């Protein structure tokens, strides 16, 4: 009896791309959340205040955002394999440097290097993946895309707490080293190079505008709610970020060879997918931020219990990959994404009901449902939005999409934190559940807003190309 063939076409290069991409994105996704439970321990080890240890996360997030604008250009100019494996090598080496750090300054500098490499990994890795698989084959990639984006960030806090308690915080970073080294070796042997080439010179003006703009905006959105929007560093970062962002957009639209090809947004499907990435990422990151606070405020749960309360969301996302695999080819993007977003908004709003936070199983079921329905929408949108993007423009398209999605997540956290603060709760142990519930309703509204753009998605799923017919033999 012969074995059943795999569902994803696995030519050697394709298999290597899937393995290396998944390993790299799992490392990157895990590192975005794994350090949070260890910040207090790190501060104590280095005899520093917790506020100083927070720079470990600030450094990673800001440097990650700063690297995003140039990712597409680098991949096209030097080759997706070379840039992706180079970034993965740097990320792995920086992880080792983080684990070996003997001072807070050394740890922060290593996190900066890690963040810069991580900022290249996501857009260049997605470009490599989408260039390897044609549009009609990308439906099968839902299982690949969901693991690093759903499971790893959710595993980060409990895994970080476990390693810190039972080994040391140094192992938060050492776990990346063998995985990264193995992935680089597999990539060197199994992945074929693709150099798209660039038409003109490097857009220095766009780089000098867009890079600091993203850094300032990420810093302001991430720390404005906790530090205060009117404090000098946050206010200056907000003004500078918005001003540079506006200038960058104007320049990109006028430039002959822009760093970020904003004209790609003329493609209806891609533009809709990009806007949907913004609102869905804002809604998801907002709910994952604010609901654990509500859970603690209402039930007096511990931080670990509150973190575990949202873990079923990751399990729902894992199941969503199976749903998309089976239903997208039958229903098409519009008929699958639109009702999924409507259901997601309803489930989000249900989490704000007075009796829900008090019910452990109610919370778990609704969090699982969020992962299932929102994950179905997000995966559908991501696969369908790039169906009409030609391979030469994939690097630019993926870079812009990743920037918007990243800013959306930061915006969701900032908005929900601002709502909680404005309505009178501190966000750190207030007993009045009202502000938290209002913030949850805001996340539901963000997700519901996505329905407008989901209706602009194509009706039909990407189809395999029809082979040219052989000419009839001459009589």
Protein backbone atom coordinates (compact mmCIF):
# COMPACT_ATOMS: atom_id res chain seq x y z
CA UNK A 1 0.00 0.00 0.00
CA UNK A 2 1.45 3.35 -0.99
CA UNK A 3 1.43 6.33 1.36
CA UNK A 4 -0.99 9.14 0.65
CA UNK A 5 0.73 12.14 -0.96
CA UNK A 6 1.12 15.25 1.21
CA UNK A 7 -1.42 17.99 0.78
CA UNK A 8 1.18 20.67 0.06
CA UNK A 9 3.32 20.10 -3.03
CA UNK A 10 6.72 19.31 -1.56
CA UNK A 11 9.44 19.72 -4.12
CA UNK A 12 12.69 19.84 -2.13
CA UNK A 13 12.85 23.63 -2.21
CA UNK A 14 9.21 23.94 -1.12
CA UNK A 15 9.66 21.58 1.80
CA UNK A 16 12.73 23.50 2.93
CA UNK A 17 10.92 26.84 2.62
CA UNK A 18 8.03 25.59 4.78
CA UNK A 19 10.35 24.16 7.46
CA UNK A 20 12.67 27.16 7.65
CA UNK A 21 9.87 29.73 7.50
CA UNK A 22 7.92 28.00 10.27
CA UNK A 23 11.00 27.68 12.52
CA UNK A 24 12.01 31.32 12.03
CA UNK A 25 8.52 32.72 12.55
CA UNK A 26 8.01 30.57 15.65
CA UNK A 27 11.18 32.04 17.13
CA UNK A 28 10.13 35.56 16.21
CA UNK A 29 6.56 35.12 17.49
CA UNK A 30 7.72 33.56 20.73
CA UNK A 31 10.22 36.32 21.43
CA UNK A 32 7.52 38.99 21.16
CA UNK A 33 5.89 37.73 24.39
CA UNK A 34 8.20 35.31 26.20
CA UNK A 35 10.23 37.98 28.02
CA UNK A 36 7.29 39.74 29.71
CA UNK A 37 7.00 37.39 32.74
CA UNK A 38 10.77 37.64 33.37
CA UNK A 39 11.17 41.42 33.48
CA UNK A 40 10.96 41.59 37.27
CA UNK A 41 13.57 38.83 37.64
CA UNK A 42 15.86 40.51 35.10
CA UNK A 43 15.58 43.81 36.98
CA UNK A 44 16.49 42.12 40.26
CA UNK A 45 19.44 40.24 38.75
CA UNK A 46 20.94 43.45 37.41
CA UNK A 47 19.93 45.48 40.48
CA UNK A 48 17.81 47.81 38.35
CA UNK A 49 14.25 49.15 38.71
CA UNK A 50 11.52 47.39 36.73
CA UNK A 51 11.03 50.53 34.63
CA UNK A 52 14.62 50.17 33.45
CA UNK A 53 14.10 46.48 32.62
CA UNK A 54 11.14 47.45 30.44
CA UNK A 55 13.66 48.86 27.97
CA UNK A 56 14.37 45.22 27.06
CA UNK A 57 10.94 45.09 25.42
CA UNK A 58 10.99 48.68 24.18
CA UNK A 59 14.26 48.04 22.37
CA UNK A 60 12.92 44.92 20.66
CA UNK A 61 9.60 46.41 19.53
CA UNK A 62 10.99 49.72 18.25
CA UNK A 63 13.92 48.18 16.41
CA UNK A 64 11.59 45.60 14.86
CA UNK A 65 9.36 48.38 13.51
CA UNK A 66 12.34 50.36 12.25
CA UNK A 67 13.52 47.46 10.06
CA UNK A 68 10.17 46.91 8.31
CA UNK A 69 10.30 49.65 5.62
CA UNK A 70 13.54 48.40 4.08
CA UNK A 71 12.70 44.68 4.14
CA UNK A 72 11.04 44.50 0.72
CA UNK A 73 13.84 46.43 -1.01
CA UNK A 74 16.56 44.30 0.57
CA UNK A 75 14.86 41.06 -0.47
CA UNK A 76 14.44 42.24 -4.05
CA UNK A 77 17.95 43.69 -4.28
CA UNK A 78 20.00 40.92 -2.70
CA UNK A 79 17.68 37.89 -2.94
CA UNK A 80 15.02 36.57 -0.60
CA UNK A 81 17.07 33.51 0.42
CA UNK A 82 20.18 35.54 1.22
CA UNK A 83 18.34 38.23 3.19
CA UNK A 84 16.05 35.80 5.03
CA UNK A 85 18.82 33.42 6.09
CA UNK A 86 21.08 36.36 6.90
CA UNK A 87 18.43 37.86 9.16
CA UNK A 88 17.80 34.45 10.73
CA UNK A 89 21.54 34.06 11.42
CA UNK A 90 21.71 37.48 13.06
CA UNK A 91 18.54 36.76 15.07
CA UNK A 92 20.02 33.47 16.32
CA UNK A 93 23.37 35.06 17.20
CA UNK A 94 21.60 37.96 18.94
CA UNK A 95 19.55 35.43 20.95
CA UNK A 96 22.77 33.85 22.17
CA UNK A 97 24.14 37.29 23.01
CA UNK A 98 20.96 38.07 25.00
CA UNK A 99 21.36 34.89 27.02
CA UNK A 100 25.02 35.63 27.71
CA UNK A 101 24.45 39.26 28.70
CA UNK A 102 26.14 40.28 31.90
CA UNK A 103 24.52 43.70 32.21
CA UNK A 104 21.24 45.35 31.34
CA UNK A 105 22.95 47.54 28.76
CA UNK A 106 24.37 44.50 26.98
CA UNK A 107 20.97 42.81 27.03
CA UNK A 108 19.23 45.87 25.57
CA UNK A 109 21.82 46.19 22.78
CA UNK A 110 21.42 42.50 21.95
CA UNK A 111 17.62 42.94 21.88
CA UNK A 112 18.04 45.85 19.44
CA UNK A 113 19.99 43.57 17.11
CA UNK A 114 17.41 40.83 17.58
CA UNK A 115 14.57 43.23 16.79
CA UNK A 116 16.24 44.54 13.62
CA UNK A 117 16.67 40.98 12.35
CA UNK A 118 13.14 40.07 13.41
CA UNK A 119 11.75 43.03 11.48
CA UNK A 120 13.23 41.57 8.29
CA UNK A 121 12.19 37.98 8.97
CA UNK A 122 8.42 38.38 8.71
CA UNK A 123 7.99 40.29 5.41
CA UNK A 124 10.92 38.62 3.63
CA UNK A 125 9.87 35.19 4.91
CA UNK A 126 6.29 35.70 3.71
CA UNK A 127 7.61 36.89 0.35
CA UNK A 128 9.73 33.76 0.06
CA UNK A 129 6.75 31.58 0.97
CA UNK A 130 4.29 33.27 -1.41
CA UNK A 131 6.75 33.26 -4.30
CA UNK A 132 7.36 29.54 -3.76
CA UNK A 133 3.65 28.64 -3.84
CA UNK A 134 1.33 29.95 -6.60
CA UNK A 135 -1.99 31.57 -5.57
CA UNK A 136 -4.14 28.45 -6.01
CA UNK A 137 -1.78 26.43 -3.75
CA UNK A 138 -1.68 28.97 -0.91
CA UNK A 139 -4.93 27.73 0.65
CA UNK A 140 -2.92 24.75 1.93
CA UNK A 141 -0.53 27.17 3.62
CA UNK A 142 -3.11 28.12 6.25
CA UNK A 143 -1.71 25.38 8.50
CA UNK A 144 1.78 26.83 8.08
CA UNK A 145 0.84 30.47 8.62
CA UNK A 146 -1.20 29.91 11.76
CA UNK A 147 1.42 28.19 13.96
CA UNK A 148 3.86 31.10 14.38
CA UNK A 149 1.18 33.80 14.35
CA UNK A 150 -1.24 32.14 16.80
CA UNK A 151 0.31 29.44 18.92
CA UNK A 152 3.77 30.85 19.60
CA UNK A 153 2.76 34.30 20.96
CA UNK A 154 0.17 32.59 23.16
CA UNK A 155 2.75 30.11 24.46
CA UNK A 156 5.22 32.90 25.21
CA UNK A 157 4.02 34.04 28.67
CA UNK A 158 3.49 30.58 30.25
CA UNK A 159 6.72 29.24 28.73
CA UNK A 160 8.61 32.35 29.82
CA UNK A 161 7.34 31.99 33.36
CA UNK A 162 8.20 28.28 33.47
CA UNK A 163 11.77 28.75 32.19
CA UNK A 164 12.39 31.70 34.50
CA UNK A 165 11.14 29.83 37.56
CA UNK A 166 12.78 26.44 36.88
CA UNK A 167 15.97 27.35 34.97
CA UNK A 168 16.77 31.06 34.55
CA UNK A 169 15.73 33.97 32.35
CA UNK A 170 18.82 33.33 30.20
CA UNK A 171 17.07 30.27 28.76
CA UNK A 172 14.34 32.49 27.29
CA UNK A 173 16.93 33.30 24.62
CA UNK A 174 19.06 30.15 24.55
CA UNK A 175 16.07 28.09 23.31
CA UNK A 176 16.35 29.92 19.98
CA UNK A 177 19.95 28.93 19.28
CA UNK A 178 19.63 25.25 18.26
CA UNK A 179 16.38 25.89 16.38
CA UNK A 180 17.83 28.85 14.49
CA UNK A 181 21.09 27.07 13.68
CA UNK A 182 19.26 24.02 12.30
CA UNK A 183 16.91 26.20 10.23
CA UNK A 184 19.82 28.12 8.69
CA UNK A 185 21.57 24.89 7.69
CA UNK A 186 18.38 23.47 6.13
CA UNK A 187 17.81 26.74 4.27
CA UNK A 188 21.34 26.88 2.90
CA UNK A 189 20.97 23.40 1.42
CA UNK A 190 17.31 23.28 0.44
CA UNK A 191 16.14 26.76 -0.57
CA UNK A 192 16.74 28.14 -4.03
CA UNK A 193 17.71 31.78 -4.42
CA UNK A 194 15.43 34.30 -6.08
CA UNK A 195 16.75 37.77 -6.89
CA UNK A 196 14.01 39.99 -8.27
CA UNK A 197 16.25 42.99 -8.79
CA UNK A 198 15.41 46.66 -8.32
CA UNK A 199 14.69 49.21 -11.01
CA UNK A 200 16.51 52.19 -9.59
CA UNK A 201 18.63 53.54 -6.81
CA UNK A 202 17.82 53.07 -3.14
CA UNK A 203 15.16 55.53 -1.97
CA UNK A 204 17.19 57.31 0.70
CA UNK A 205 14.59 60.00 1.30
CA UNK A 206 11.85 57.43 1.82
CA UNK A 207 14.10 55.48 4.16
CA UNK A 208 14.98 58.56 6.23
CA UNK A 209 11.28 59.45 6.53
CA UNK A 210 9.57 56.08 6.96
CA UNK A 211 12.07 54.41 9.30
CA UNK A 212 12.02 56.95 12.15
CA UNK A 213 8.28 57.48 11.61
CA UNK A 214 7.57 53.84 12.45
CA UNK A 215 9.98 53.89 15.36
CA UNK A 216 8.39 56.98 16.91
CA UNK A 217 4.83 55.75 16.33
CA UNK A 218 5.56 52.31 17.81
CA UNK A 219 7.15 53.86 20.87
CA UNK A 220 4.27 56.31 21.39
CA UNK A 221 1.51 53.74 20.85
CA UNK A 222 3.19 51.17 23.03
CA UNK A 223 3.97 53.36 26.01
CA UNK A 224 1.64 56.35 25.78
CA UNK A 225 -1.12 54.72 27.85
CA UNK A 226 1.22 53.79 30.71
CA UNK A 227 3.56 56.79 30.67
CA UNK A 228 0.94 59.40 29.82
CA UNK A 229 0.21 60.92 26.41
CA UNK A 230 1.17 64.41 27.56
CA UNK A 231 4.60 63.51 28.92
CA UNK A 232 7.39 65.04 26.88
CA UNK A 233 8.88 61.83 25.35
CA UNK A 234 5.48 60.45 24.32
CA UNK A 235 4.11 63.76 23.01
CA UNK A 236 7.25 64.47 20.99
CA UNK A 237 7.30 60.91 19.62
CA UNK A 238 3.64 61.18 18.59
CA UNK A 239 4.06 64.50 16.81
CA UNK A 240 7.30 63.44 15.14
CA UNK A 241 5.90 60.07 14.11
CA UNK A 242 2.74 61.51 12.55
CA UNK A 243 4.62 64.32 10.83
CA UNK A 244 7.25 62.00 9.36
CA UNK A 245 4.56 59.49 8.35
CA UNK A 246 2.62 62.14 6.39
CA UNK A 247 5.83 63.32 4.73
CA UNK A 248 6.77 59.72 3.90
CA UNK A 249 3.39 59.03 2.27
CA UNK A 250 3.62 62.18 0.13
CA UNK A 251 7.13 61.27 -0.94
CA UNK A 252 6.29 57.63 -1.72
CA UNK A 253 3.42 58.68 -3.99
CA UNK A 254 5.67 61.07 -5.92
CA UNK A 255 8.85 58.99 -6.11
CA UNK A 256 9.72 57.07 -9.26
CA UNK A 257 11.17 54.12 -7.33
CA UNK A 258 9.72 54.41 -3.82
CA UNK A 259 10.89 52.39 -0.85
CA UNK A 260 7.24 51.48 -0.14
CA UNK A 261 5.05 51.05 -3.22
CA UNK A 262 1.81 52.65 -2.00
CA UNK A 263 0.38 52.41 -5.52
CA UNK A 264 -0.18 48.73 -4.83
CA UNK A 265 -3.25 49.85 -2.89
CA UNK A 266 -4.95 50.45 -6.24
CA UNK A 267 -5.49 46.69 -6.36
CA UNK A 268 -8.93 46.30 -4.77
CA UNK A 269 -8.32 42.92 -3.13
CA UNK A 270 -4.92 43.87 -1.77
CA UNK A 271 -6.17 47.24 -0.47
CA UNK A 272 -9.11 45.56 1.27
CA UNK A 273 -6.82 42.92 2.79
CA UNK A 274 -4.43 45.61 4.05
CA UNK A 275 -7.20 47.63 5.73
CA UNK A 276 -8.63 44.43 7.20
CA UNK A 277 -5.17 43.56 8.56
CA UNK A 278 -5.19 46.90 10.38
CA UNK A 279 -8.62 46.58 12.03
CA UNK A 280 -8.47 42.85 12.80
CA UNK A 281 -5.00 43.13 14.31
CA UNK A 282 -6.15 46.13 16.36
CA UNK A 283 -9.22 44.22 17.59
CA UNK A 284 -7.34 41.01 18.41
CA UNK A 285 -4.39 42.63 20.19
CA UNK A 286 -6.78 44.95 22.00
CA UNK A 287 -8.92 42.08 23.34
CA UNK A 288 -5.86 40.04 24.34
CA UNK A 289 -4.59 43.07 26.25
CA UNK A 290 -7.73 44.24 28.01
CA UNK A 291 -9.59 41.02 28.79
CA UNK A 292 -6.96 39.61 31.18
CA UNK A 293 -7.21 42.92 33.07
CA UNK A 294 -10.99 42.51 33.33
CA UNK A 295 -10.53 38.89 34.42
CA UNK A 296 -8.25 40.02 37.23
CA UNK A 297 -10.44 42.98 38.22
CA UNK A 298 -13.63 40.88 38.46
CA UNK A 299 -12.32 37.58 39.78
CA UNK A 300 -9.12 38.60 41.49
CA UNK A 301 -7.30 36.05 39.31
CA UNK A 302 -3.51 35.88 39.27
CA UNK A 303 -1.53 37.18 36.31
CA UNK A 304 -0.78 33.60 35.22
CA UNK A 305 -4.46 32.59 35.47
CA UNK A 306 -5.43 35.69 33.48
CA UNK A 307 -2.87 34.86 30.82
CA UNK A 308 -4.07 31.27 30.58
CA UNK A 309 -7.67 32.47 30.25
CA UNK A 310 -6.95 33.71 26.72
CA UNK A 311 -4.93 30.66 25.64
CA UNK A 312 -7.96 28.85 24.08
CA UNK A 313 -7.91 31.62 21.46
CA UNK A 314 -4.73 30.07 20.07
CA UNK A 315 -6.39 26.65 19.89
CA UNK A 316 -9.29 28.17 17.96
CA UNK A 317 -6.85 29.74 15.54
CA UNK A 318 -5.24 26.36 14.96
CA UNK A 319 -8.63 24.90 14.02
CA UNK A 320 -9.29 27.90 11.76
CA UNK A 321 -6.52 26.73 9.45
CA UNK A 322 -8.48 23.52 8.85
CA UNK A 323 -11.68 25.50 8.19
CA UNK A 324 -9.98 27.73 5.62
CA UNK A 325 -8.36 24.76 3.92
CA UNK A 326 -11.76 23.14 3.36
CA UNK A 327 -14.16 26.07 2.89
CA UNK A 328 -12.21 28.75 1.02
CA UNK A 329 -12.09 26.82 -2.28
CA UNK A 330 -15.87 26.19 -2.03
CA UNK A 331 -17.20 29.51 -0.73
CA UNK A 332 -14.63 32.02 -1.94
CA UNK A 333 -13.07 34.87 0.10
CA UNK A 334 -16.10 37.17 0.36
CA UNK A 335 -18.62 34.55 1.48
CA UNK A 336 -16.19 33.08 4.01
CA UNK A 337 -14.62 36.23 5.49
CA UNK A 338 -17.75 38.39 5.82
CA UNK A 339 -19.84 36.13 8.10
CA UNK A 340 -16.70 35.18 10.03
CA UNK A 341 -16.06 38.85 10.85
CA UNK A 342 -19.70 39.38 11.86
CA UNK A 343 -19.54 36.38 14.21
CA UNK A 344 -16.20 37.58 15.57
CA UNK A 345 -17.65 40.99 16.43
CA UNK A 346 -20.58 39.30 18.22
CA UNK A 347 -18.25 37.06 20.24
CA UNK A 348 -16.03 40.03 21.14
CA UNK A 349 -19.07 41.92 22.40
CA UNK A 350 -20.25 38.87 24.38
CA UNK A 351 -17.05 39.03 26.43
CA UNK A 352 -18.25 42.39 27.77
CA UNK A 353 -21.46 40.96 29.23
CA UNK A 354 -21.57 41.20 33.05
CA UNK A 355 -21.84 37.46 33.71
CA UNK A 356 -19.13 36.31 31.30
CA UNK A 357 -15.92 37.22 33.14
CA UNK A 358 -17.18 35.36 36.21
CA UNK A 359 -17.57 32.10 34.25
CA UNK A 360 -14.30 30.27 33.68
CA UNK A 361 -15.74 27.94 31.07
CA UNK A 362 -17.69 30.75 29.45
CA UNK A 363 -14.45 32.65 28.98
CA UNK A 364 -12.68 29.62 27.56
CA UNK A 365 -15.45 28.87 25.08
CA UNK A 366 -15.68 32.46 23.86
CA UNK A 367 -11.90 32.78 23.55
CA UNK A 368 -11.82 29.58 21.51
CA UNK A 369 -14.62 30.98 19.34
CA UNK A 370 -12.66 34.20 18.79
CA UNK A 371 -9.69 32.23 17.56
CA UNK A 372 -11.86 30.12 15.28
CA UNK A 373 -13.99 32.80 13.59
CA UNK A 374 -11.48 35.67 13.55
CA UNK A 375 -8.70 33.31 12.51
CA UNK A 376 -10.85 32.08 9.63
CA UNK A 377 -11.38 35.65 8.46
CA UNK A 378 -7.74 36.68 8.84
CA UNK A 379 -6.32 33.67 7.01
CA UNK A 380 -8.88 34.03 4.21
CA UNK A 381 -8.05 37.71 3.79
CA UNK A 382 -4.31 37.14 3.77
CA UNK A 383 -4.46 34.39 1.16
CA UNK A 384 -6.96 36.15 -1.12
CA UNK A 385 -5.43 39.62 -0.82
CA UNK A 386 -2.20 38.58 -2.53
CA UNK A 387 -3.75 36.47 -5.29
CA UNK A 388 -3.38 39.19 -7.94
CA UNK A 389 0.01 40.49 -6.82
CA UNK A 390 2.65 39.57 -9.39
CA UNK A 391 5.81 37.86 -8.05
CA UNK A 392 8.06 40.85 -8.91
CA UNK A 393 5.94 43.06 -6.63
CA UNK A 394 5.47 40.53 -3.83
CA UNK A 395 8.33 41.87 -1.71
CA UNK A 396 6.95 45.41 -1.74
CA UNK A 397 3.40 44.20 -1.11
CA UNK A 398 4.40 42.01 1.82
CA UNK A 399 6.49 44.76 3.39
CA UNK A 400 3.64 47.27 3.30
CA UNK A 401 1.13 44.70 4.56
CA UNK A 402 3.36 43.78 7.52
CA UNK A 403 3.88 47.43 8.48
CA UNK A 404 0.13 48.09 8.53
CA UNK A 405 -0.60 44.92 10.51
CA UNK A 406 2.12 45.74 13.06
CA UNK A 407 0.85 49.28 13.57
CA UNK A 408 -2.69 47.90 13.86
CA UNK A 409 -1.72 45.70 16.79
CA UNK A 410 0.00 48.61 18.57
CA UNK A 411 -3.01 50.82 17.87
CA UNK A 412 -5.44 48.27 19.34
CA UNK A 413 -3.52 48.09 22.60
CA UNK A 414 -3.18 51.87 22.79
CA UNK A 415 -6.89 52.50 22.14
CA UNK A 416 -8.13 49.98 24.70
CA UNK A 417 -5.66 51.21 27.31
CA UNK A 418 -6.74 54.79 26.64
CA UNK A 419 -10.43 53.87 27.06
CA UNK A 420 -9.74 52.11 30.36
CA UNK A 421 -7.71 55.08 31.61
CA UNK A 422 -10.20 57.72 30.44
CA UNK A 423 -13.14 55.99 32.15
CA UNK A 424 -11.43 55.88 35.50
CA UNK A 425 -9.65 52.52 35.85
CA UNK A 426 -5.91 52.34 36.23
CA UNK A 427 -5.56 49.19 34.14
CA UNK A 428 -3.59 47.60 36.98
CA UNK A 429 -6.03 46.28 39.49
CA UNK A 430 -9.01 48.62 39.45
CA UNK A 431 -12.13 46.92 40.76
CA UNK A 432 -14.68 48.68 38.54
CA UNK A 433 -15.28 46.43 35.56
CA UNK A 434 -17.13 49.10 33.53
CA UNK A 435 -14.10 50.67 31.81
CA UNK A 436 -12.74 47.27 30.81
CA UNK A 437 -16.08 46.22 29.34
CA UNK A 438 -16.32 49.45 27.36
CA UNK A 439 -12.82 48.84 25.98
CA UNK A 440 -13.90 45.34 24.91
CA UNK A 441 -16.87 46.83 23.06
CA UNK A 442 -14.43 49.12 21.24
CA UNK A 443 -12.51 46.07 20.00
CA UNK A 444 -15.81 44.55 18.81
CA UNK A 445 -16.52 47.75 16.86
CA UNK A 446 -13.07 47.58 15.23
CA UNK A 447 -13.70 44.03 14.05
CA UNK A 448 -17.22 44.89 12.85
CA UNK A 449 -15.75 47.76 10.82
CA UNK A 450 -13.84 45.17 8.82
CA UNK A 451 -17.08 43.84 7.32
CA UNK A 452 -17.17 46.87 5.00
CA UNK A 453 -13.88 45.84 3.40
CA UNK A 454 -14.63 42.12 3.50
CA UNK A 455 -17.53 42.81 1.13
CA UNK A 456 -14.96 44.16 -1.35
CA UNK A 457 -13.05 40.88 -1.46
CA UNK A 458 -13.41 38.68 -4.56
CA UNK A 459 -16.13 36.06 -4.68
CA UNK A 460 -13.99 33.30 -6.17
CA UNK A 461 -10.97 31.64 -4.56
CA UNK A 462 -7.69 31.65 -6.53
CA UNK A 463 -7.85 28.99 -9.23
CA UNK A 464 -5.02 26.98 -10.78
CA UNK A 465 -4.01 28.20 -14.23
CA UNK A 466 -5.70 26.51 -17.17
CA UNK A 467 -3.09 24.85 -19.37
CA UNK A 468 -2.96 25.95 -22.97
CA UNK A 469 -4.84 23.60 -25.23
CA UNK A 470 -2.79 21.58 -27.67
CA UNK A 471 -3.49 22.56 -31.27
CA UNK A 472 -5.54 20.00 -33.18
CA UNK A 473 -3.47 17.84 -35.52
CA UNK A 474 -3.63 18.79 -39.17
CA UNK A 475 -5.92 16.64 -41.26
